[in-house]
Amino acid sequence: MTETAGLLVAIVFLLAYIAVVVGVFAGAWKMYGKAGQPGWGAIVPFYNMYLLCRICGRPGWWFVLALLPVVNLVIGIILVIDLSRSFGRGFGTTVGLLLLSPVFVPILGFGRAQYKGPAAAM
């Protein structure tokens, strides 16, 4: 009986995890589409970071910096700040993207936020 209960709990957690991943991918797809980039690019490793740099107005080669330990933390924070500004959002969205990105990425993608242009270029 305990093995069956454990298996059931594992299946429920797996299904919840898959639902979160699909939600984040769908939200990122829509967010990239709002920014005029190919939505499918949001699910391609490395290319998604390159596109994110372009959405935020940063040089495309910045995605290489995201591969370097410690530097990637700084680059990631800068990109999140630029991303929220690019969609006309403020400090609250920036903090949300930093701490709860699986919730805030779909909010940017499916919500009323409109892409205002690359924040770093302004």
PDB file of N, CA and C in Angstrom:
ATOM      1  N   MET A   1       0.822  -1.192   0.000  1.00  0.00           N
ATOM      2  CA  MET A   1       0.000   0.000   0.000  1.00  0.00           C
ATOM      3  C   MET A   1       0.869   1.260   0.000  1.00  0.00           C
ATOM      4  N   THR A   2       1.961   1.264   0.738  1.00  0.00           N
ATOM      5  CA  THR A   2       2.816   2.459   0.805  1.00  0.00           C
ATOM      6  C   THR A   2       3.519   2.699  -0.525  1.00  0.00           C
ATOM      7  N   GLU A   3       3.903   1.646  -1.222  1.00  0.00           N
ATOM      8  CA  GLU A   3       4.548   1.823  -2.516  1.00  0.00           C
ATOM      9  C   GLU A   3       3.592   2.459  -3.512  1.00  0.00           C
ATOM     10  N   THR A   4       2.337   2.066  -3.455  1.00  0.00           N
ATOM     11  CA  THR A   4       1.333   2.625  -4.352  1.00  0.00           C
ATOM     12  C   THR A   4       1.102   4.101  -4.038  1.00  0.00           C
ATOM     13  N   ALA A   5       1.040   4.452  -2.773  1.00  0.00           N
ATOM     14  CA  ALA A   5       0.859   5.845  -2.379  1.00  0.00           C
ATOM     15  C   ALA A   5       2.062   6.685  -2.811  1.00  0.00           C
ATOM     16  N   GLY A   6       3.261   6.138  -2.641  1.00  0.00           N
ATOM     17  CA  GLY A   6       4.470   6.847  -3.055  1.00  0.00           C
ATOM     18  C   GLY A   6       4.506   7.056  -4.555  1.00  0.00           C
ATOM     19  N   LEU A   7       4.094   6.045  -5.298  1.00  0.00           N
ATOM     20  CA  LEU A   7       4.048   6.167  -6.754  1.00  0.00           C
ATOM     21  C   LEU A   7       3.024   7.210  -7.178  1.00  0.00           C
ATOM     22  N   LEU A   8       1.898   7.232  -6.521  1.00  0.00           N
ATOM     23  CA  LEU A   8       0.854   8.206  -6.838  1.00  0.00           C
ATOM     24  C   LEU A   8       1.338   9.638  -6.568  1.00  0.00           C
ATOM     25  N   VAL A   9       2.016   9.845  -5.459  1.00  0.00           N
ATOM     26  CA  VAL A   9       2.567  11.166  -5.131  1.00  0.00           C
ATOM     27  C   VAL A   9       3.605  11.569  -6.169  1.00  0.00           C
ATOM     28  N   ALA A  10       4.462  10.631  -6.579  1.00  0.00           N
ATOM     29  CA  ALA A  10       5.477  10.923  -7.587  1.00  0.00           C
ATOM     30  C   ALA A  10       4.838  11.307  -8.918  1.00  0.00           C
ATOM     31  N   ILE A  11       3.792  10.627  -9.302  1.00  0.00           N
ATOM     32  CA  ILE A  11       3.099  10.937 -10.560  1.00  0.00           C
ATOM     33  C   ILE A  11       2.450  12.308 -10.495  1.00  0.00           C
ATOM     34  N   VAL A  12       1.845  12.643  -9.369  1.00  0.00           N
ATOM     35  CA  VAL A  12       1.221  13.959  -9.211  1.00  0.00           C
ATOM     36  C   VAL A  12       2.270  15.067  -9.301  1.00  0.00           C
ATOM     37  N   PHE A  13       3.406  14.887  -8.637  1.00  0.00           N
ATOM     38  CA  PHE A  13       4.474  15.890  -8.706  1.00  0.00           C
ATOM     39  C   PHE A  13       5.034  16.005 -10.117  1.00  0.00           C
ATOM     40  N   LEU A  14       5.183  14.896 -10.809  1.00  0.00           N
ATOM     41  CA  LEU A  14       5.677  14.914 -12.182  1.00  0.00           C
ATOM     42  C   LEU A  14       4.714  15.659 -13.093  1.00  0.00           C
ATOM     43  N   LEU A  15       3.442  15.407 -12.958  1.00  0.00           N
ATOM     44  CA  LEU A  15       2.448  16.101 -13.777  1.00  0.00           C
ATOM     45  C   LEU A  15       2.405  17.596 -13.466  1.00  0.00           C
ATOM     46  N   ALA A  16       2.556  17.959 -12.196  1.00  0.00           N
ATOM     47  CA  ALA A  16       2.594  19.376 -11.829  1.00  0.00           C
ATOM     48  C   ALA A  16       3.831  20.038 -12.408  1.00  0.00           C
ATOM     49  N   TYR A  17       4.963  19.363 -12.365  1.00  0.00           N
ATOM     50  CA  TYR A  17       6.208  19.897 -12.928  1.00  0.00           C
ATOM     51  C   TYR A  17       6.069  20.103 -14.434  1.00  0.00           C
ATOM     52  N   ILE A  18       5.513  19.128 -15.126  1.00  0.00           N
ATOM     53  CA  ILE A  18       5.314  19.243 -16.571  1.00  0.00           C
ATOM     54  C   ILE A  18       4.380  20.410 -16.884  1.00  0.00           C
ATOM     55  N   ALA A  19       3.336  20.599 -16.092  1.00  0.00           N
ATOM     56  CA  ALA A  19       2.411  21.707 -16.310  1.00  0.00           C
ATOM     57  C   ALA A  19       3.115  23.053 -16.142  1.00  0.00           C
ATOM     58  N   VAL A  20       3.972  23.172 -15.144  1.00  0.00           N
ATOM     59  CA  VAL A  20       4.712  24.424 -14.931  1.00  0.00           C
ATOM     60  C   VAL A  20       5.663  24.684 -16.094  1.00  0.00           C
ATOM     61  N   VAL A  21       6.388  23.662 -16.532  1.00  0.00           N
ATOM     62  CA  VAL A  21       7.334  23.822 -17.637  1.00  0.00           C
ATOM     63  C   VAL A  21       6.598  24.227 -18.915  1.00  0.00           C
ATOM     64  N   VAL A  22       5.494  23.590 -19.218  1.00  0.00           N
ATOM     65  CA  VAL A  22       4.718  23.930 -20.409  1.00  0.00           C
ATOM     66  C   VAL A  22       4.188  25.358 -20.295  1.00  0.00           C
ATOM     67  N   GLY A  23       3.741  25.764 -19.115  1.00  0.00           N
ATOM     68  CA  GLY A  23       3.254  27.128 -18.914  1.00  0.00           C
ATOM     69  C   GLY A  23       4.339  28.173 -19.119  1.00  0.00           C
ATOM     70  N   VAL A  24       5.535  27.890 -18.620  1.00  0.00           N
ATOM     71  CA  VAL A  24       6.650  28.823 -18.790  1.00  0.00           C
ATOM     72  C   VAL A  24       7.054  28.902 -20.257  1.00  0.00           C
ATOM     73  N   PHE A  25       7.141  27.748 -20.937  1.00  0.00           N
ATOM     74  CA  PHE A  25       7.492  27.762 -22.356  1.00  0.00           C
ATOM     75  C   PHE A  25       6.450  28.517 -23.180  1.00  0.00           C
ATOM     76  N   ALA A  26       5.170  28.292 -22.900  1.00  0.00           N
ATOM     77  CA  ALA A  26       4.114  28.982 -23.638  1.00  0.00           C
ATOM     78  C   ALA A  26       4.157  30.484 -23.373  1.00  0.00           C
ATOM     79  N   GLY A  27       4.381  30.876 -22.131  1.00  0.00           N
ATOM     80  CA  GLY A  27       4.469  32.295 -21.797  1.00  0.00           C
ATOM     81  C   GLY A  27       5.669  32.955 -22.442  1.00  0.00           C
ATOM     82  N   ALA A  28       6.801  32.266 -22.448  1.00  0.00           N
ATOM     83  CA  ALA A  28       8.005  32.807 -23.086  1.00  0.00           C
ATOM     84  C   ALA A  28       7.798  32.908 -24.594  1.00  0.00           C
ATOM     85  N   TRP A  29       7.140  31.921 -25.188  1.00  0.00           N
ATOM     86  CA  TRP A  29       6.847  31.937 -26.619  1.00  0.00           C
ATOM     87  C   TRP A  29       6.034  33.181 -26.971  1.00  0.00           C
ATOM     88  N   LYS A  30       4.989  33.441 -26.193  1.00  0.00           N
ATOM     89  CA  LYS A  30       4.146  34.621 -26.425  1.00  0.00           C
ATOM     90  C   LYS A  30       4.913  35.912 -26.171  1.00  0.00           C
ATOM     91  N   MET A  31       5.742  35.932 -25.130  1.00  0.00           N
ATOM     92  CA  MET A  31       6.517  37.118 -24.801  1.00  0.00           C
ATOM     93  C   MET A  31       7.485  37.450 -25.934  1.00  0.00           C
ATOM     94  N   TYR A  32       8.175  36.456 -26.459  1.00  0.00           N
ATOM     95  CA  TYR A  32       9.095  36.686 -27.569  1.00  0.00           C
ATOM     96  C   TYR A  32       8.321  37.167 -28.797  1.00  0.00           C
ATOM     97  N   GLY A  33       7.146  36.586 -29.017  1.00  0.00           N
ATOM     98  CA  GLY A  33       6.314  37.011 -30.145  1.00  0.00           C
ATOM     99  C   GLY A  33       5.879  38.462 -30.025  1.00  0.00           C
ATOM    100  N   LYS A  34       5.521  38.893 -28.820  1.00  0.00           N
ATOM    101  CA  LYS A  34       5.150  40.292 -28.602  1.00  0.00           C
ATOM    102  C   LYS A  34       6.305  41.233 -28.921  1.00  0.00           C
ATOM    103  N   ALA A  35       7.528  40.749 -28.707  1.00  0.00           N
ATOM    104  CA  ALA A  35       8.718  41.571 -28.937  1.00  0.00           C
ATOM    105  C   ALA A  35       9.195  41.495 -30.385  1.00  0.00           C
ATOM    106  N   GLY A  36       8.441  40.822 -31.249  1.00  0.00           N
ATOM    107  CA  GLY A  36       8.801  40.754 -32.657  1.00  0.00           C
ATOM    108  C   GLY A  36       9.859  39.714 -32.983  1.00  0.00           C
ATOM    109  N   GLN A  37      10.108  38.807 -32.073  1.00  0.00           N
ATOM    110  CA  GLN A  37      11.075  37.734 -32.290  1.00  0.00           C
ATOM    111  C   GLN A  37      10.313  36.432 -32.511  1.00  0.00           C
ATOM    112  N   PRO A  38      10.956  35.442 -33.136  1.00  0.00           N
ATOM    113  CA  PRO A  38      10.257  34.163 -33.330  1.00  0.00           C
ATOM    114  C   PRO A  38       9.958  33.491 -31.988  1.00  0.00           C
ATOM    115  N   GLY A  39       8.713  33.133 -31.782  1.00  0.00           N
ATOM    116  CA  GLY A  39       8.317  32.529 -30.513  1.00  0.00           C
ATOM    117  C   GLY A  39       9.023  31.217 -30.239  1.00  0.00           C
ATOM    118  N   TRP A  40       9.233  30.411 -31.277  1.00  0.00           N
ATOM    119  CA  TRP A  40       9.907  29.129 -31.090  1.00  0.00           C
ATOM    120  C   TRP A  40      11.327  29.310 -30.574  1.00  0.00           C
ATOM    121  N   GLY A  41      11.902  30.480 -30.779  1.00  0.00           N
ATOM    122  CA  GLY A  41      13.255  30.743 -30.296  1.00  0.00           C
ATOM    123  C   GLY A  41      13.347  30.721 -28.784  1.00  0.00           C
ATOM    124  N   ALA A  42      12.226  30.848 -28.106  1.00  0.00           N
ATOM    125  CA  ALA A  42      12.223  30.846 -26.639  1.00  0.00           C
ATOM    126  C   ALA A  42      12.541  29.480 -26.065  1.00  0.00           C
ATOM    127  N   ILE A  43      12.390  28.417 -26.848  1.00  0.00           N
ATOM    128  CA  ILE A  43      12.621  27.072 -26.322  1.00  0.00           C
ATOM    129  C   ILE A  43      13.917  26.451 -26.842  1.00  0.00           C
ATOM    130  N   VAL A  44      14.689  27.208 -27.629  1.00  0.00           N
ATOM    131  CA  VAL A  44      15.948  26.693 -28.170  1.00  0.00           C
ATOM    132  C   VAL A  44      17.103  27.178 -27.294  1.00  0.00           C
ATOM    133  N   PRO A  45      17.846  26.252 -26.689  1.00  0.00           N
ATOM    134  CA  PRO A  45      18.959  26.667 -25.824  1.00  0.00           C
ATOM    135  C   PRO A  45      19.962  27.545 -26.565  1.00  0.00           C
ATOM    136  N   PHE A  46      20.537  28.476 -25.874  1.00  0.00           N
ATOM    137  CA  PHE A  46      21.514  29.460 -26.347  1.00  0.00           C
ATOM    138  C   PHE A  46      20.865  30.494 -27.272  1.00  0.00           C
ATOM    139  N   TYR A  47      20.078  30.044 -28.236  1.00  0.00           N
ATOM    140  CA  TYR A  47      19.410  30.986 -29.138  1.00  0.00           C
ATOM    141  C   TYR A  47      18.418  31.843 -28.351  1.00  0.00           C
ATOM    142  N   ASN A  48      17.764  31.259 -27.343  1.00  0.00           N
ATOM    143  CA  ASN A  48      16.813  32.028 -26.549  1.00  0.00           C
ATOM    144  C   ASN A  48      17.511  33.155 -25.789  1.00  0.00           C
ATOM    145  N   MET A  49      18.714  32.903 -25.315  1.00  0.00           N
ATOM    146  CA  MET A  49      19.460  33.950 -24.607  1.00  0.00           C
ATOM    147  C   MET A  49      19.909  35.037 -25.588  1.00  0.00           C
ATOM    148  N   TYR A  50      20.304  34.638 -26.784  1.00  0.00           N
ATOM    149  CA  TYR A  50      20.668  35.605 -27.823  1.00  0.00           C
ATOM    150  C   TYR A  50      19.473  36.504 -28.142  1.00  0.00           C
ATOM    151  N   LEU A  51      18.299  35.897 -28.328  1.00  0.00           N
ATOM    152  CA  LEU A  51      17.093  36.676 -28.618  1.00  0.00           C
ATOM    153  C   LEU A  51      16.711  37.566 -27.442  1.00  0.00           C
ATOM    154  N   LEU A  52      16.879  37.086 -26.222  1.00  0.00           N
ATOM    155  CA  LEU A  52      16.572  37.892 -25.050  1.00  0.00           C
ATOM    156  C   LEU A  52      17.458  39.132 -25.005  1.00  0.00           C
ATOM    157  N   CYS A  53      18.726  38.963 -25.339  1.00  0.00           N
ATOM    158  CA  CYS A  53      19.629  40.122 -25.404  1.00  0.00           C
ATOM    159  C   CYS A  53      19.132  41.133 -26.437  1.00  0.00           C
ATOM    160  N   ARG A  54      18.670  40.657 -27.575  1.00  0.00           N
ATOM    161  CA  ARG A  54      18.152  41.554 -28.612  1.00  0.00           C
ATOM    162  C   ARG A  54      16.858  42.241 -28.166  1.00  0.00           C
ATOM    163  N   ILE A  55      15.988  41.506 -27.490  1.00  0.00           N
ATOM    164  CA  ILE A  55      14.736  42.077 -26.991  1.00  0.00           C
ATOM    165  C   ILE A  55      15.036  43.207 -26.009  1.00  0.00           C
ATOM    166  N   CYS A  56      16.045  43.004 -25.175  1.00  0.00           N
ATOM    167  CA  CYS A  56      16.395  43.989 -24.145  1.00  0.00           C
ATOM    168  C   CYS A  56      17.251  45.128 -24.687  1.00  0.00           C
ATOM    169  N   GLY A  57      17.740  45.002 -25.920  1.00  0.00           N
ATOM    170  CA  GLY A  57      18.556  46.056 -26.508  1.00  0.00           C
ATOM    171  C   GLY A  57      20.038  45.919 -26.209  1.00  0.00           C
ATOM    172  N   ARG A  58      20.445  44.792 -25.727  1.00  0.00           N
ATOM    173  CA  ARG A  58      21.851  44.537 -25.448  1.00  0.00           C
ATOM    174  C   ARG A  58      22.484  43.845 -26.654  1.00  0.00           C
ATOM    175  N   PRO A  59      23.802  43.951 -26.805  1.00  0.00           N
ATOM    176  CA  PRO A  59      24.466  43.273 -27.925  1.00  0.00           C
ATOM    177  C   PRO A  59      24.250  41.758 -27.856  1.00  0.00           C
ATOM    178  N   GLY A  60      24.125  41.140 -29.008  1.00  0.00           N
ATOM    179  CA  GLY A  60      23.876  39.703 -29.064  1.00  0.00           C
ATOM    180  C   GLY A  60      24.973  38.864 -28.434  1.00  0.00           C
ATOM    181  N   TRP A  61      26.206  39.358 -28.437  1.00  0.00           N
ATOM    182  CA  TRP A  61      27.312  38.575 -27.877  1.00  0.00           C
ATOM    183  C   TRP A  61      27.242  38.485 -26.358  1.00  0.00           C
ATOM    184  N   TRP A  62      26.342  39.237 -25.721  1.00  0.00           N
ATOM    185  CA  TRP A  62      26.190  39.151 -24.265  1.00  0.00           C
ATOM    186  C   TRP A  62      25.792  37.751 -23.819  1.00  0.00           C
ATOM    187  N   PHE A  63      25.162  36.977 -24.723  1.00  0.00           N
ATOM    188  CA  PHE A  63      24.764  35.635 -24.310  1.00  0.00           C
ATOM    189  C   PHE A  63      25.995  34.790 -23.972  1.00  0.00           C
ATOM    190  N   VAL A  64      27.152  35.125 -24.543  1.00  0.00           N
ATOM    191  CA  VAL A  64      28.388  34.418 -24.210  1.00  0.00           C
ATOM    192  C   VAL A  64      28.768  34.690 -22.750  1.00  0.00           C
ATOM    193  N   LEU A  65      28.515  35.912 -22.302  1.00  0.00           N
ATOM    194  CA  LEU A  65      28.812  36.253 -20.909  1.00  0.00           C
ATOM    195  C   LEU A  65      27.960  35.440 -19.941  1.00  0.00           C
ATOM    196  N   ALA A  66      26.786  35.025 -20.406  1.00  0.00           N
ATOM    197  CA  ALA A  66      25.901  34.230 -19.557  1.00  0.00           C
ATOM    198  C   ALA A  66      26.459  32.827 -19.313  1.00  0.00           C
ATOM    199  N   LEU A  67      27.500  32.465 -20.032  1.00  0.00           N
ATOM    200  CA  LEU A  67      28.115  31.155 -19.832  1.00  0.00           C
ATOM    201  C   LEU A  67      29.223  31.182 -18.779  1.00  0.00           C
ATOM    202  N   LEU A  68      29.622  32.366 -18.363  1.00  0.00           N
ATOM    203  CA  LEU A  68      30.723  32.506 -17.411  1.00  0.00           C
ATOM    204  C   LEU A  68      30.198  32.542 -15.979  1.00  0.00           C
ATOM    205  N   PRO A  69      30.767  31.726 -15.102  1.00  0.00           N
ATOM    206  CA  PRO A  69      30.329  31.736 -13.708  1.00  0.00           C
ATOM    207  C   PRO A  69      30.490  33.123 -13.084  1.00  0.00           C
ATOM    208  N   VAL A  70      29.611  33.484 -12.220  1.00  0.00           N
ATOM    209  CA  VAL A  70      29.521  34.744 -11.484  1.00  0.00           C
ATOM    210  C   VAL A  70      29.117  35.895 -12.415  1.00  0.00           C
ATOM    211  N   VAL A  71      29.759  35.995 -13.568  1.00  0.00           N
ATOM    212  CA  VAL A  71      29.383  37.030 -14.527  1.00  0.00           C
ATOM    213  C   VAL A  71      27.939  36.809 -14.975  1.00  0.00           C
ATOM    214  N   ASN A  72      27.533  35.546 -15.095  1.00  0.00           N
ATOM    215  CA  ASN A  72      26.180  35.253 -15.536  1.00  0.00           C
ATOM    216  C   ASN A  72      25.124  35.785 -14.569  1.00  0.00           C
ATOM    217  N   LEU A  73      25.443  35.855 -13.288  1.00  0.00           N
ATOM    218  CA  LEU A  73      24.488  36.415 -12.322  1.00  0.00           C
ATOM    219  C   LEU A  73      24.253  37.898 -12.589  1.00  0.00           C
ATOM    220  N   VAL A  74      25.328  38.623 -12.825  1.00  0.00           N
ATOM    221  CA  VAL A  74      25.218  40.060 -13.097  1.00  0.00           C
ATOM    222  C   VAL A  74      24.491  40.291 -14.411  1.00  0.00           C
ATOM    223  N   ILE A  75      24.872  39.554 -15.455  1.00  0.00           N
ATOM    224  CA  ILE A  75      24.228  39.688 -16.768  1.00  0.00           C
ATOM    225  C   ILE A  75      22.746  39.337 -16.664  1.00  0.00           C
ATOM    226  N   GLY A  76      22.434  38.286 -15.936  1.00  0.00           N
ATOM    227  CA  GLY A  76      21.035  37.886 -15.772  1.00  0.00           C
ATOM    228  C   GLY A  76      20.197  38.957 -15.094  1.00  0.00           C
ATOM    229  N   ILE A  77      20.734  39.569 -14.063  1.00  0.00           N
ATOM    230  CA  ILE A  77      19.999  40.634 -13.359  1.00  0.00           C
ATOM    231  C   ILE A  77      19.806  41.840 -14.274  1.00  0.00           C
ATOM    232  N   ILE A  78      20.846  42.216 -15.006  1.00  0.00           N
ATOM    233  CA  ILE A  78      20.735  43.347 -15.939  1.00  0.00           C
ATOM    234  C   ILE A  78      19.683  43.050 -17.003  1.00  0.00           C
ATOM    235  N   LEU A  79      19.677  41.837 -17.544  1.00  0.00           N
ATOM    236  CA  LEU A  79      18.701  41.482 -18.572  1.00  0.00           C
ATOM    237  C   LEU A  79      17.277  41.462 -18.029  1.00  0.00           C
ATOM    238  N   VAL A  80      17.108  41.020 -16.796  1.00  0.00           N
ATOM    239  CA  VAL A  80      15.761  41.018 -16.203  1.00  0.00           C
ATOM    240  C   VAL A  80      15.262  42.448 -16.004  1.00  0.00           C
ATOM    241  N   ILE A  81      16.139  43.334 -15.553  1.00  0.00           N
ATOM    242  CA  ILE A  81      15.762  44.741 -15.391  1.00  0.00           C
ATOM    243  C   ILE A  81      15.379  45.328 -16.744  1.00  0.00           C
ATOM    244  N   ASP A  82      16.209  45.075 -17.761  1.00  0.00           N
ATOM    245  CA  ASP A  82      15.915  45.584 -19.109  1.00  0.00           C
ATOM    246  C   ASP A  82      14.649  44.968 -19.681  1.00  0.00           C
ATOM    247  N   LEU A  83      14.405  43.693 -19.400  1.00  0.00           N
ATOM    248  CA  LEU A  83      13.211  43.028 -19.912  1.00  0.00           C
ATOM    249  C   LEU A  83      11.948  43.664 -19.348  1.00  0.00           C
ATOM    250  N   SER A  84      11.921  43.897 -18.050  1.00  0.00           N
ATOM    251  CA  SER A  84      10.718  44.504 -17.466  1.00  0.00           C
ATOM    252  C   SER A  84      10.522  45.931 -17.989  1.00  0.00           C
ATOM    253  N   ARG A  85      11.600  46.677 -18.169  1.00  0.00           N
ATOM    254  CA  ARG A  85      11.491  48.028 -18.729  1.00  0.00           C
ATOM    255  C   ARG A  85      11.068  47.990 -20.191  1.00  0.00           C
ATOM    256  N   SER A  86      11.526  46.982 -20.937  1.00  0.00           N
ATOM    257  CA  SER A  86      11.162  46.864 -22.350  1.00  0.00           C
ATOM    258  C   SER A  86       9.665  46.634 -22.521  1.00  0.00           C
ATOM    259  N   PHE A  87       9.045  46.047 -21.520  1.00  0.00           N
ATOM    260  CA  PHE A  87       7.608  45.824 -21.565  1.00  0.00           C
ATOM    261  C   PHE A  87       6.838  46.893 -20.782  1.00  0.00           C
ATOM    262  N   GLY A  88       7.517  47.978 -20.443  1.00  0.00           N
ATOM    263  CA  GLY A  88       6.853  49.087 -19.766  1.00  0.00           C
ATOM    264  C   GLY A  88       6.482  48.791 -18.327  1.00  0.00           C
ATOM    265  N   ARG A  89       7.143  47.855 -17.714  1.00  0.00           N
ATOM    266  CA  ARG A  89       6.842  47.483 -16.333  1.00  0.00           C
ATOM    267  C   ARG A  89       7.885  48.072 -15.403  1.00  0.00           C
ATOM    268  N   GLY A  90       7.594  48.019 -14.121  1.00  0.00           N
ATOM    269  CA  GLY A  90       8.455  48.658 -13.136  1.00  0.00           C
ATOM    270  C   GLY A  90       9.186  47.691 -12.237  1.00  0.00           C
ATOM    271  N   PHE A  91       9.487  48.209 -11.058  1.00  0.00           N
ATOM    272  CA  PHE A  91      10.292  47.495 -10.075  1.00  0.00           C
ATOM    273  C   PHE A  91       9.639  46.192  -9.620  1.00  0.00           C
ATOM    274  N   GLY A  92       8.334  46.202  -9.442  1.00  0.00           N
ATOM    275  CA  GLY A  92       7.623  45.012  -8.970  1.00  0.00           C
ATOM    276  C   GLY A  92       7.760  43.844  -9.933  1.00  0.00           C
ATOM    277  N   THR A  93       7.640  44.119 -11.218  1.00  0.00           N
ATOM    278  CA  THR A  93       7.799  43.062 -12.213  1.00  0.00           C
ATOM    279  C   THR A  93       9.239  42.571 -12.247  1.00  0.00           C
ATOM    280  N   THR A  94      10.187  43.480 -12.076  1.00  0.00           N
ATOM    281  CA  THR A  94      11.596  43.081 -12.050  1.00  0.00           C
ATOM    282  C   THR A  94      11.850  42.120 -10.899  1.00  0.00           C
ATOM    283  N   VAL A  95      11.368  42.446  -9.711  1.00  0.00           N
ATOM    284  CA  VAL A  95      11.543  41.574  -8.551  1.00  0.00           C
ATOM    285  C   VAL A  95      10.817  40.249  -8.788  1.00  0.00           C
ATOM    286  N   GLY A  96       9.624  40.317  -9.356  1.00  0.00           N
ATOM    287  CA  GLY A  96       8.881  39.099  -9.657  1.00  0.00           C
ATOM    288  C   GLY A  96       9.604  38.203 -10.637  1.00  0.00           C
ATOM    289  N   LEU A  97      10.195  38.792 -11.677  1.00  0.00           N
ATOM    290  CA  LEU A  97      10.949  38.000 -12.644  1.00  0.00           C
ATOM    291  C   LEU A  97      12.187  37.376 -12.006  1.00  0.00           C
ATOM    292  N   LEU A  98      12.807  38.090 -11.084  1.00  0.00           N
ATOM    293  CA  LEU A  98      13.993  37.550 -10.410  1.00  0.00           C
ATOM    294  C   LEU A  98      13.643  36.415  -9.466  1.00  0.00           C
ATOM    295  N   LEU A  99      12.558  36.547  -8.728  1.00  0.00           N
ATOM    296  CA  LEU A  99      12.235  35.580  -7.676  1.00  0.00           C
ATOM    297  C   LEU A  99      11.219  34.516  -8.083  1.00  0.00           C
ATOM    298  N   LEU A 100      10.295  34.872  -8.956  1.00  0.00           N
ATOM    299  CA  LEU A 100       9.221  33.948  -9.352  1.00  0.00           C
ATOM    300  C   LEU A 100       9.035  33.943 -10.864  1.00  0.00           C
ATOM    301  N   SER A 101      10.102  33.711 -11.593  1.00  0.00           N
ATOM    302  CA  SER A 101      10.013  33.772 -13.054  1.00  0.00           C
ATOM    303  C   SER A 101       9.011  32.784 -13.651  1.00  0.00           C
ATOM    304  N   PRO A 102       8.783  31.582 -13.090  1.00  0.00           N
ATOM    305  CA  PRO A 102       7.756  30.716 -13.678  1.00  0.00           C
ATOM    306  C   PRO A 102       6.356  31.310 -13.617  1.00  0.00           C
ATOM    307  N   VAL A 103       6.146  32.286 -12.756  1.00  0.00           N
ATOM    308  CA  VAL A 103       4.846  32.956 -12.677  1.00  0.00           C
ATOM    309  C   VAL A 103       4.840  34.212 -13.543  1.00  0.00           C
ATOM    310  N   PHE A 104       5.917  34.992 -13.511  1.00  0.00           N
ATOM    311  CA  PHE A 104       5.932  36.291 -14.164  1.00  0.00           C
ATOM    312  C   PHE A 104       6.211  36.234 -15.659  1.00  0.00           C
ATOM    313  N   VAL A 105       6.898  35.211 -16.155  1.00  0.00           N
ATOM    314  CA  VAL A 105       7.098  35.095 -17.598  1.00  0.00           C
ATOM    315  C   VAL A 105       5.755  34.877 -18.304  1.00  0.00           C
ATOM    316  N   PRO A 106       4.897  33.958 -17.848  1.00  0.00           N
ATOM    317  CA  PRO A 106       3.581  33.852 -18.475  1.00  0.00           C
ATOM    318  C   PRO A 106       2.724  35.117 -18.301  1.00  0.00           C
ATOM    319  N   ILE A 107       2.918  35.841 -17.198  1.00  0.00           N
ATOM    320  CA  ILE A 107       2.172  37.095 -17.025  1.00  0.00           C
ATOM    321  C   ILE A 107       2.571  38.093 -18.105  1.00  0.00           C
ATOM    322  N   LEU A 108       3.881  38.196 -18.401  1.00  0.00           N
ATOM    323  CA  LEU A 108       4.314  39.085 -19.480  1.00  0.00           C
ATOM    324  C   LEU A 108       3.813  38.591 -20.829  1.00  0.00           C
ATOM    325  N   GLY A 109       3.832  37.281 -21.034  1.00  0.00           N
ATOM    326  CA  GLY A 109       3.424  36.728 -22.319  1.00  0.00           C
ATOM    327  C   GLY A 109       1.940  36.809 -22.576  1.00  0.00           C
ATOM    328  N   PHE A 110       1.141  36.429 -21.599  1.00  0.00           N
ATOM    329  CA  PHE A 110      -0.305  36.367 -21.797  1.00  0.00           C
ATOM    330  C   PHE A 110      -1.048  37.582 -21.263  1.00  0.00           C
ATOM    331  N   GLY A 111      -0.360  38.422 -20.508  1.00  0.00           N
ATOM    332  CA  GLY A 111      -1.008  39.584 -19.905  1.00  0.00           C
ATOM    333  C   GLY A 111      -1.132  40.751 -20.870  1.00  0.00           C
ATOM    334  N   ARG A 112      -1.487  41.896 -20.319  1.00  0.00           N
ATOM    335  CA  ARG A 112      -1.710  43.100 -21.125  1.00  0.00           C
ATOM    336  C   ARG A 112      -0.430  43.880 -21.407  1.00  0.00           C
ATOM    337  N   ALA A 113       0.696  43.423 -20.909  1.00  0.00           N
ATOM    338  CA  ALA A 113       1.956  44.141 -21.122  1.00  0.00           C
ATOM    339  C   ALA A 113       2.276  44.191 -22.612  1.00  0.00           C
ATOM    340  N   GLN A 114       2.633  45.372 -23.082  1.00  0.00           N
ATOM    341  CA  GLN A 114       2.998  45.565 -24.488  1.00  0.00           C
ATOM    342  C   GLN A 114       4.480  45.872 -24.589  1.00  0.00           C
ATOM    343  N   TYR A 115       5.093  45.345 -25.611  1.00  0.00           N
ATOM    344  CA  TYR A 115       6.518  45.595 -25.839  1.00  0.00           C
ATOM    345  C   TYR A 115       6.699  47.044 -26.277  1.00  0.00           C
ATOM    346  N   LYS A 116       7.520  47.799 -25.557  1.00  0.00           N
ATOM    347  CA  LYS A 116       7.738  49.218 -25.827  1.00  0.00           C
ATOM    348  C   LYS A 116       9.009  49.467 -26.628  1.00  0.00           C
ATOM    349  N   GLY A 117       9.801  48.439 -26.836  1.00  0.00           N
ATOM    350  CA  GLY A 117      11.077  48.591 -27.501  1.00  0.00           C
ATOM    351  C   GLY A 117      12.188  48.254 -26.546  1.00  0.00           C
ATOM    352  N   PRO A 118      13.388  48.063 -27.069  1.00  0.00           N
ATOM    353  CA  PRO A 118      14.514  47.674 -26.217  1.00  0.00           C
ATOM    354  C   PRO A 118      14.879  48.759 -25.209  1.00  0.00           C
ATOM    355  N   ALA A 119      14.839  48.412 -23.940  1.00  0.00           N
ATOM    356  CA  ALA A 119      15.071  49.383 -22.866  1.00  0.00           C
ATOM    357  C   ALA A 119      16.522  49.858 -22.850  1.00  0.00           C
ATOM    358  N   ALA A 120      17.471  48.993 -23.148  1.00  0.00           N
ATOM    359  CA  ALA A 120      18.878  49.375 -23.070  1.00  0.00           C
ATOM    360  C   ALA A 120      19.246  50.354 -24.179  1.00  0.00           C
ATOM    361  N   ALA A 121      18.496  50.365 -25.266  1.00  0.00           N
ATOM    362  CA  ALA A 121      18.800  51.258 -26.387  1.00  0.00           C
ATOM    363  C   ALA A 121      18.313  52.693 -26.113  1.00  0.00           C
ATOM    364  N   MET A 122      17.447  52.851 -25.109  1.00  0.00           N
ATOM    365  CA  MET A 122      16.873  54.173 -24.834  1.00  0.00           C
ATOM    366  C   MET A 122      17.800  55.022 -24.006  1.00  0.00           C
TER     367      MET A 122
END
